[in-house]
Amino acid sequence: MVIEHMPERHSASVVLMFAGGSRLEDERLAGVSHFIEHLYFKGTERRPSSKEIADAIEGVGGFINASTDKELTAYWARVPSEHMDLGLDVLFDIVANSRLDPADVERERMVILEELRMYQDQPQDYVQNLFEELIWPDHPLGRDIAGTEESVSRLNREDILEYADAHYRLPNLVIGAAGSLDEERTVVEVRQSLSLRSGLNGTTPALSPAQLTSPRVLVRRRDTEQAHICLGARALSYMHPDRHALDLLNTVLGEGMSSRLFLNIRERLGLAYDVHSFTQKHRDTGYVGVYIGVDPKKAVDAVNAVMGELRSLTESEIAPEELARAKEFTKGRLRLELETTNGVAFWLTYQELLLGGIKTIDEELALVEAVTSADVKRVADDVLSAPLQMAVIGPFARDSAFRLAIGA
């Protein structure tokens, strides 16, 4: 357990973070972690309905929620500090005592199927799913976290129980708490109240994705008013020593309204309303990507302009003042994220679970400050020389112009 005492706050937050997500699912069980997340809020022996679970926390003005990712699943609550014991009790109850009622399984199956269909009707989200299929082909990282319509349709209660029993065990759990709380009392409460099984049970290590050998383009033809494009390349993991240089590269390229993509492609050229870059990091891999929302008539021009910005990062080092702005942006965003007890609880828990150790904010900021322009260019040379992948949704009959733009 990791705890941060924040006596000046009026709230307390607790996070239960499990080392298990969609990456550990085979094709037969695709979406089961996300399915379990939904079901855990449907009722326990002590709180038989979702209303009673919500009322327990919302009745004191608190918040409770959960999220499933590719390498972790988190359940969290934020409550007024005097109700910390209640927050712990409700979270422990849902992860250890959920009924997983057969009727709830069937109802929630329909909800998740509608959720999957909803995302397919939102091309700005769906195009990123297609992009990840290209980045990690035939691998769980390339699948939607919620699974597929086929896998969700066939999951049964026995599958869910088996998976939960294998993964929701103490060796896979880190608990984080932050806020105005009594540290000793919190530790005692956790030890007395949490009743998960110990030991591992049939879990298998995650396999690394195969290497990408060539650029590829995937076009989904739809009669949309705007074209939606994601392009990018494999990049670094969250364990890589150059990860901070990659983050600064991403900031310079496409984070915020002072980034190169925003200033040059939106403001100067007027080619796209929404253009930005982003990164995704996992234990052994990652990617850097660019999203473009653009008039279909300008789509190829916008892609070519993005390619020009990517090339510029490999052709010369970024200027000292541009690097300084990126560092201040990055450090400022981190400080703002850690203003809340919830942000601190997640920060601590994530580091302990995935990185195996916790850096203070000052240590993390020092690593950002130590990055040089030469470091950023070296990472750009490495990452942006990898085969580019591009997914496109829009009214396009052919992919030839897009293939030409990325050298596919």
Protein backbone atom coordinates (compact mmCIF):
# COMPACT_ATOMS: atom_id res chain seq x y z
CA MET A 1 0.00 0.00 0.00
CA VAL A 2 1.19 3.53 -0.80
CA ILE A 3 -0.07 6.56 1.12
CA GLU A 4 0.41 10.33 0.85
CA HIS A 5 -0.69 12.44 3.79
CA MET A 6 -2.10 15.76 2.55
CA PRO A 7 -3.38 17.48 5.72
CA GLU A 8 -4.37 20.68 3.94
CA ARG A 9 -7.01 18.87 1.85
CA HIS A 10 -10.62 18.25 2.83
CA SER A 11 -10.94 15.02 0.87
CA ALA A 12 -9.40 11.57 0.80
CA SER A 13 -9.06 9.29 -2.22
CA VAL A 14 -8.37 5.60 -2.45
CA VAL A 15 -7.48 3.59 -5.56
CA LEU A 16 -7.46 -0.18 -5.92
CA MET A 17 -5.30 -0.91 -8.98
CA PHE A 18 -5.00 -4.43 -10.36
CA ALA A 19 -2.29 -5.64 -12.73
CA GLY A 20 -4.74 -6.97 -15.25
CA GLY A 21 -6.40 -5.52 -18.31
CA SER A 22 -7.31 -6.31 -21.87
CA ARG A 23 -3.72 -7.18 -22.83
CA LEU A 24 -3.94 -10.39 -20.78
CA GLU A 25 -7.08 -11.60 -22.52
CA ASP A 26 -6.98 -14.15 -25.31
CA GLU A 27 -9.37 -13.78 -28.21
CA ARG A 28 -11.98 -15.99 -26.55
CA LEU A 29 -12.10 -13.72 -23.47
CA ALA A 30 -11.66 -10.36 -25.22
CA GLY A 31 -13.42 -7.68 -23.18
CA VAL A 32 -13.78 -9.70 -19.97
CA SER A 33 -11.85 -7.20 -17.77
CA HIS A 34 -14.13 -4.39 -18.92
CA PHE A 35 -17.18 -6.66 -18.46
CA ILE A 36 -16.13 -7.37 -14.86
CA GLU A 37 -15.67 -3.64 -14.21
CA HIS A 38 -19.32 -3.09 -15.15
CA LEU A 39 -20.57 -6.06 -13.14
CA TYR A 40 -18.75 -5.15 -9.93
CA PHE A 41 -21.00 -2.11 -9.58
CA LYS A 42 -24.22 -4.13 -9.91
CA GLY A 43 -24.44 -5.46 -6.39
CA THR A 44 -22.81 -7.31 -3.49
CA GLU A 45 -24.19 -9.42 -0.68
CA ARG A 46 -24.31 -6.38 1.63
CA ARG A 47 -25.33 -3.86 -1.05
CA PRO A 48 -27.50 -5.89 -3.44
CA SER A 49 -28.05 -3.20 -6.09
CA SER A 50 -26.10 -0.57 -7.99
CA LYS A 51 -28.26 2.08 -6.32
CA GLU A 52 -27.14 1.02 -2.86
CA ILE A 53 -23.49 1.10 -3.91
CA ALA A 54 -23.88 4.57 -5.41
CA ASP A 55 -25.97 5.85 -2.49
CA ALA A 56 -23.31 4.82 0.03
CA ILE A 57 -20.73 7.12 -1.58
CA GLU A 58 -22.89 9.82 -3.12
CA GLY A 59 -24.83 10.07 0.15
CA VAL A 60 -21.77 11.75 1.69
CA GLY A 61 -21.03 13.82 -1.44
CA GLY A 62 -18.35 11.51 -2.76
CA PHE A 63 -17.50 9.96 -6.12
CA ILE A 64 -16.91 6.35 -7.09
CA ASN A 65 -15.88 4.98 -10.45
CA ALA A 66 -13.61 2.53 -12.27
CA SER A 67 -11.63 2.22 -15.47
CA THR A 68 -10.17 -0.61 -17.50
CA ASP A 69 -6.96 -0.17 -19.45
CA LYS A 70 -4.74 -2.51 -21.40
CA GLU A 71 -2.40 -3.33 -18.52
CA LEU A 72 -4.39 -2.39 -15.45
CA THR A 73 -7.87 -2.03 -13.98
CA ALA A 74 -8.61 0.60 -11.32
CA TYR A 75 -11.47 1.10 -8.88
CA TRP A 76 -11.50 4.35 -6.96
CA ALA A 77 -13.44 6.56 -4.59
CA ARG A 78 -13.02 10.14 -3.46
CA VAL A 79 -14.87 11.18 -0.30
CA PRO A 80 -14.78 13.90 2.36
CA SER A 81 -11.84 12.96 4.57
CA GLU A 82 -14.00 12.02 7.57
CA HIS A 83 -15.61 9.29 5.42
CA MET A 84 -12.38 7.57 4.34
CA ASP A 85 -13.40 4.35 6.13
CA LEU A 86 -16.62 4.28 4.11
CA GLY A 87 -14.73 4.71 0.84
CA LEU A 88 -12.47 1.79 1.69
CA ASP A 89 -15.38 -0.36 2.80
CA VAL A 90 -17.39 0.14 -0.39
CA LEU A 91 -14.42 -0.48 -2.69
CA PHE A 92 -13.39 -3.61 -0.80
CA ASP A 93 -16.97 -4.81 -0.92
CA ILE A 94 -17.35 -4.51 -4.69
CA VAL A 95 -14.01 -6.13 -5.61
CA ALA A 96 -14.29 -9.00 -3.10
CA ASN A 97 -18.00 -9.66 -2.67
CA SER A 98 -19.76 -8.87 -5.96
CA ARG A 99 -22.54 -11.32 -6.69
CA LEU A 100 -22.05 -11.43 -10.48
CA ASP A 101 -25.71 -12.33 -10.75
CA PRO A 102 -26.63 -14.18 -13.98
CA ALA A 103 -29.39 -11.66 -14.72
CA ASP A 104 -26.91 -8.79 -14.33
CA VAL A 105 -24.52 -10.54 -16.73
CA GLU A 106 -27.18 -10.64 -19.44
CA ARG A 107 -28.34 -7.06 -18.87
CA GLU A 108 -24.81 -5.70 -18.86
CA ARG A 109 -23.92 -7.67 -21.98
CA MET A 110 -26.52 -5.62 -23.88
CA VAL A 111 -25.17 -2.37 -22.39
CA ILE A 112 -21.60 -3.18 -23.49
CA LEU A 113 -22.71 -4.20 -26.98
CA GLU A 114 -24.42 -0.83 -27.31
CA GLU A 115 -21.25 0.85 -26.02
CA LEU A 116 -19.20 -0.87 -28.72
CA ARG A 117 -21.66 0.19 -31.41
CA MET A 118 -21.68 3.74 -30.08
CA TYR A 119 -17.91 4.04 -30.51
CA GLN A 120 -18.16 2.75 -34.06
CA ASP A 121 -20.56 5.64 -34.72
CA GLN A 122 -18.00 8.14 -33.40
CA PRO A 123 -15.32 8.22 -36.10
CA GLN A 124 -12.94 10.44 -34.13
CA ASP A 125 -12.72 7.64 -31.55
CA TYR A 126 -13.10 4.68 -33.87
CA VAL A 127 -10.20 5.78 -36.08
CA GLN A 128 -7.84 5.44 -33.12
CA ASN A 129 -9.03 1.86 -32.60
CA LEU A 130 -8.25 1.15 -36.26
CA PHE A 131 -4.86 2.80 -35.88
CA GLU A 132 -4.03 0.57 -32.90
CA GLU A 133 -5.03 -2.49 -34.95
CA LEU A 134 -2.31 -1.46 -37.41
CA ILE A 135 0.26 -0.66 -34.73
CA TRP A 136 -0.27 -4.00 -32.96
CA PRO A 137 -1.75 -6.40 -35.53
CA ASP A 138 -3.03 -9.77 -34.31
CA HIS A 139 -2.20 -8.85 -30.70
CA PRO A 140 -4.40 -8.03 -27.68
CA LEU A 141 -2.95 -4.50 -27.54
CA GLY A 142 -4.53 -3.89 -30.95
CA ARG A 143 -8.04 -4.77 -29.77
CA ASP A 144 -10.64 -2.49 -28.27
CA ILE A 145 -10.48 -2.70 -24.46
CA ALA A 146 -14.18 -3.54 -24.42
CA GLY A 147 -13.62 -6.49 -26.75
CA THR A 148 -15.58 -7.21 -29.90
CA GLU A 149 -19.27 -7.77 -30.47
CA GLU A 150 -18.52 -11.44 -31.08
CA SER A 151 -16.47 -11.96 -27.91
CA VAL A 152 -18.85 -10.04 -25.66
CA SER A 153 -21.80 -11.96 -27.07
CA ARG A 154 -20.28 -15.31 -26.17
CA LEU A 155 -18.78 -14.53 -22.73
CA ASN A 156 -20.65 -16.44 -20.03
CA ARG A 157 -20.73 -16.19 -16.25
CA GLU A 158 -18.32 -19.10 -15.84
CA ASP A 159 -15.74 -17.35 -18.04
CA ILE A 160 -16.10 -14.20 -15.96
CA LEU A 161 -15.80 -16.00 -12.64
CA GLU A 162 -12.73 -17.92 -13.80
CA TYR A 163 -10.95 -14.80 -15.04
CA ALA A 164 -11.80 -12.79 -11.92
CA ASP A 165 -10.55 -15.59 -9.68
CA ALA A 166 -7.26 -15.73 -11.57
CA HIS A 167 -6.55 -11.99 -11.65
CA TYR A 168 -8.27 -10.32 -8.69
CA ARG A 169 -5.79 -11.59 -6.12
CA LEU A 170 -3.47 -9.82 -3.68
CA PRO A 171 -0.21 -10.21 -5.61
CA ASN A 172 -1.84 -8.29 -8.48
CA LEU A 173 -3.13 -5.41 -6.33
CA VAL A 174 -1.66 -2.11 -5.19
CA ILE A 175 -3.73 0.20 -3.00
CA GLY A 176 -3.08 3.92 -3.04
CA ALA A 177 -4.52 6.54 -0.73
CA ALA A 178 -4.02 10.28 -0.51
CA GLY A 179 -5.57 13.14 1.38
CA SER A 180 -6.33 14.22 4.90
CA LEU A 181 -6.13 10.82 6.53
CA ASP A 182 -4.56 8.96 9.41
CA GLU A 183 -1.89 6.78 7.83
CA GLU A 184 -1.63 4.18 10.60
CA ARG A 185 -5.39 3.85 10.90
CA THR A 186 -5.73 3.47 7.14
CA VAL A 187 -3.18 0.65 7.04
CA VAL A 188 -4.95 -1.13 9.92
CA GLU A 189 -8.31 -0.74 8.20
CA VAL A 190 -6.95 -2.22 4.97
CA ARG A 191 -5.41 -5.20 6.73
CA GLN A 192 -8.58 -5.93 8.67
CA SER A 193 -11.12 -5.39 5.92
CA LEU A 194 -9.70 -6.59 2.59
CA SER A 195 -10.53 -10.23 1.91
CA LEU A 196 -9.03 -11.11 -1.47
CA ARG A 197 -7.27 -14.40 -2.10
CA SER A 198 -3.50 -14.65 -2.07
CA GLY A 199 -1.32 -16.44 -4.60
CA LEU A 200 -1.48 -16.49 -8.37
CA ASN A 201 -3.88 -18.79 -10.17
CA GLY A 202 -3.25 -19.63 -13.80
CA THR A 203 -2.20 -16.20 -15.03
CA THR A 204 0.16 -16.15 -18.01
CA PRO A 205 2.70 -13.45 -18.87
CA ALA A 206 1.82 -10.97 -21.59
CA LEU A 207 3.48 -11.68 -24.94
CA SER A 208 5.29 -8.89 -26.77
CA PRO A 209 3.95 -7.87 -30.19
CA ALA A 210 5.86 -8.89 -33.31
CA GLN A 211 8.00 -6.35 -35.15
CA LEU A 212 6.44 -4.15 -37.84
CA THR A 213 8.32 -4.41 -41.11
CA SER A 214 6.47 -2.05 -43.46
CA PRO A 215 4.16 0.98 -43.51
CA ARG A 216 0.46 0.32 -43.99
CA VAL A 217 -2.72 2.29 -44.65
CA LEU A 218 -6.25 1.25 -43.69
CA VAL A 219 -9.14 3.25 -45.18
CA ARG A 220 -12.72 2.76 -44.00
CA ARG A 221 -15.05 4.39 -46.48
CA ARG A 222 -17.84 6.38 -44.85
CA ASP A 223 -19.84 9.33 -46.09
CA THR A 224 -18.69 11.62 -43.28
CA GLU A 225 -18.55 15.40 -43.53
CA GLN A 226 -15.06 15.33 -42.06
CA ALA A 227 -12.18 12.92 -42.62
CA HIS A 228 -10.65 11.41 -39.50
CA ILE A 229 -7.03 10.31 -39.71
CA CYS A 230 -4.59 8.74 -37.27
CA LEU A 231 -1.00 8.16 -38.27
CA GLY A 232 2.11 7.32 -36.32
CA ALA A 233 4.75 4.78 -35.42
CA ARG A 234 5.81 2.39 -32.70
CA ALA A 235 7.70 4.18 -29.95
CA LEU A 236 8.99 3.66 -26.40
CA SER A 237 7.69 1.87 -23.33
CA TYR A 238 7.11 3.46 -19.94
CA MET A 239 10.23 1.60 -18.74
CA HIS A 240 12.53 3.15 -21.36
CA PRO A 241 15.10 5.69 -20.10
CA ASP A 242 14.27 8.02 -23.04
CA ARG A 243 10.55 8.20 -22.23
CA HIS A 244 10.84 11.80 -21.00
CA ALA A 245 12.54 12.84 -24.23
CA LEU A 246 9.67 11.21 -26.14
CA ASP A 247 7.14 13.15 -24.05
CA LEU A 248 8.89 16.41 -24.82
CA LEU A 249 9.03 15.52 -28.52
CA ASN A 250 5.27 14.93 -28.37
CA THR A 251 4.72 18.25 -26.60
CA VAL A 252 6.70 20.17 -29.20
CA LEU A 253 4.93 18.35 -32.01
CA GLY A 254 1.31 18.45 -31.02
CA GLU A 255 0.37 19.17 -27.39
CA GLY A 256 -1.58 22.39 -26.94
CA MET A 257 -2.10 25.53 -28.97
CA SER A 258 1.59 26.47 -29.00
CA SER A 259 2.65 23.19 -30.65
CA ARG A 260 4.01 22.94 -34.18
CA LEU A 261 1.01 21.03 -35.52
CA PHE A 262 -1.48 23.57 -34.18
CA LEU A 263 0.47 26.64 -35.22
CA ASN A 264 1.50 25.43 -38.67
CA ILE A 265 -1.29 23.15 -39.87
CA ARG A 266 -4.30 24.82 -38.28
CA GLU A 267 -3.28 28.45 -37.82
CA ARG A 268 -0.86 29.08 -40.71
CA LEU A 269 -2.14 26.69 -43.39
CA GLY A 270 -5.78 26.37 -42.28
CA LEU A 271 -5.83 22.71 -43.24
CA ALA A 272 -7.50 21.16 -40.18
CA TYR A 273 -9.73 22.17 -37.30
CA ASP A 274 -8.39 19.54 -34.92
CA VAL A 275 -4.80 18.36 -35.18
CA HIS A 276 -2.76 17.07 -32.25
CA SER A 277 -0.30 14.37 -31.26
CA PHE A 278 -0.34 11.84 -28.43
CA THR A 279 1.63 8.93 -27.03
CA GLN A 280 0.73 5.55 -25.59
CA LYS A 281 3.17 3.57 -23.46
CA HIS A 282 3.11 -0.03 -22.28
CA ARG A 283 5.64 -2.23 -20.52
CA ASP A 284 7.54 -3.26 -23.64
CA THR A 285 6.23 -1.05 -26.42
CA GLY A 286 4.34 2.13 -27.22
CA TYR A 287 3.56 4.57 -30.01
CA VAL A 288 3.46 8.20 -30.97
CA GLY A 289 0.47 9.23 -33.05
CA VAL A 290 -1.12 12.22 -34.74
CA TYR A 291 -4.86 12.81 -35.14
CA ILE A 292 -6.24 15.01 -37.92
CA GLY A 293 -9.88 16.07 -38.30
CA VAL A 294 -10.05 17.63 -41.76
CA ASP A 295 -12.22 18.47 -44.75
CA PRO A 296 -11.93 15.40 -47.03
CA LYS A 297 -10.81 17.64 -49.91
CA LYS A 298 -7.82 18.75 -47.83
CA ALA A 299 -7.03 15.36 -46.26
CA VAL A 300 -4.01 14.45 -48.38
CA ASP A 301 -2.58 17.96 -48.08
CA ALA A 302 -2.97 17.76 -44.31
CA VAL A 303 -1.21 14.40 -44.16
CA ASN A 304 1.64 15.74 -46.28
CA ALA A 305 1.93 18.73 -43.97
CA VAL A 306 2.09 16.45 -40.93
CA MET A 307 4.78 14.40 -42.63
CA GLY A 308 6.74 17.60 -43.10
CA GLU A 309 6.51 18.35 -39.39
CA LEU A 310 7.69 14.83 -38.53
CA ARG A 311 10.65 15.17 -40.89
CA SER A 312 11.61 18.51 -39.37
CA LEU A 313 12.07 16.85 -35.97
CA THR A 314 14.67 14.50 -37.49
CA GLU A 315 16.45 17.12 -39.58
CA SER A 316 17.51 19.54 -36.84
CA GLU A 317 17.49 19.95 -33.10
CA ILE A 318 14.67 21.94 -31.57
CA ALA A 319 15.62 25.45 -30.48
CA PRO A 320 16.50 26.03 -26.81
CA GLU A 321 13.50 28.30 -26.26
CA GLU A 322 11.12 25.73 -27.78
CA LEU A 323 12.55 23.01 -25.53
CA ALA A 324 12.23 25.30 -22.51
CA ARG A 325 8.55 25.94 -23.30
CA ALA A 326 7.91 22.22 -23.69
CA LYS A 327 9.54 21.51 -20.34
CA GLU A 328 7.49 24.16 -18.56
CA PHE A 329 4.33 22.84 -20.21
CA THR A 330 5.13 19.27 -19.13
CA LYS A 331 6.12 20.19 -15.58
CA GLY A 332 3.13 22.47 -15.15
CA ARG A 333 0.65 19.84 -16.35
CA LEU A 334 2.12 17.30 -13.93
CA ARG A 335 1.85 19.72 -11.02
CA LEU A 336 -1.77 20.50 -11.91
CA GLU A 337 -2.63 16.79 -12.15
CA LEU A 338 -1.31 16.33 -8.61
CA GLU A 339 -3.42 19.12 -7.13
CA THR A 340 -6.21 16.70 -6.22
CA THR A 341 -6.12 13.80 -3.80
CA ASN A 342 -7.39 11.58 -6.60
CA GLY A 343 -4.51 12.62 -8.86
CA VAL A 344 -1.94 11.87 -6.16
CA ALA A 345 -3.50 8.49 -5.29
CA PHE A 346 -3.39 7.44 -8.96
CA TRP A 347 0.16 8.78 -9.36
CA LEU A 348 1.44 6.72 -6.44
CA THR A 349 -0.45 3.57 -7.31
CA TYR A 350 0.45 3.60 -11.00
CA GLN A 351 4.16 3.96 -10.26
CA GLU A 352 4.21 1.23 -7.65
CA LEU A 353 2.20 -1.23 -9.75
CA LEU A 354 3.80 -0.73 -13.17
CA LEU A 355 7.21 0.83 -12.49
CA GLY A 356 8.01 -1.04 -9.30
CA GLY A 357 9.04 2.08 -7.37
CA ILE A 358 7.91 5.60 -6.64
CA LYS A 359 9.61 8.83 -7.65
CA THR A 360 8.72 12.06 -5.92
CA ILE A 361 7.40 14.87 -8.06
CA ASP A 362 10.73 16.67 -7.67
CA GLU A 363 12.61 13.60 -8.94
CA GLU A 364 10.25 13.33 -11.91
CA LEU A 365 10.58 17.02 -12.73
CA ALA A 366 14.37 16.72 -12.57
CA LEU A 367 14.27 13.95 -15.19
CA VAL A 368 12.23 16.20 -17.48
CA GLU A 369 14.62 19.11 -16.90
CA ALA A 370 17.65 16.95 -17.75
CA VAL A 371 16.48 16.24 -21.32
CA THR A 372 18.49 18.06 -24.01
CA SER A 373 17.65 19.05 -27.56
CA ALA A 374 20.09 16.38 -28.71
CA ASP A 375 18.14 13.79 -26.72
CA VAL A 376 14.89 14.81 -28.42
CA LYS A 377 16.46 14.61 -31.89
CA ARG A 378 18.01 11.22 -31.12
CA VAL A 379 14.61 9.87 -30.08
CA ALA A 380 12.98 11.45 -33.13
CA ASP A 381 15.57 9.81 -35.40
CA ASP A 382 14.89 6.44 -33.80
CA VAL A 383 11.10 6.53 -33.50
CA LEU A 384 10.20 8.36 -36.69
CA SER A 385 12.37 6.09 -38.83
CA ALA A 386 10.07 3.16 -37.95
CA PRO A 387 7.37 2.10 -40.44
CA LEU A 388 4.49 4.54 -40.28
CA GLN A 389 0.92 3.28 -39.93
CA MET A 390 -2.19 5.24 -40.90
CA ALA A 391 -5.92 4.71 -40.42
CA VAL A 392 -8.46 6.85 -42.30
CA ILE A 393 -12.23 7.17 -42.02
CA GLY A 394 -13.96 9.25 -44.68
CA PRO A 395 -15.50 9.36 -48.15
CA PHE A 396 -12.51 7.89 -49.98
CA ALA A 397 -12.74 5.19 -52.64
CA ARG A 398 -8.98 4.59 -52.86
CA ASP A 399 -5.99 4.66 -50.54
CA SER A 400 -3.26 5.37 -53.13
CA ALA A 401 -2.72 9.05 -52.25
CA PHE A 402 -2.45 8.24 -48.57
CA ARG A 403 -0.06 5.37 -49.25
CA LEU A 404 2.13 7.67 -51.32
CA ALA A 405 2.17 10.25 -48.51
CA ILE A 406 3.69 7.86 -45.97
CA GLY A 407 5.78 5.81 -48.40
CA ALA A 408 3.65 2.67 -48.20
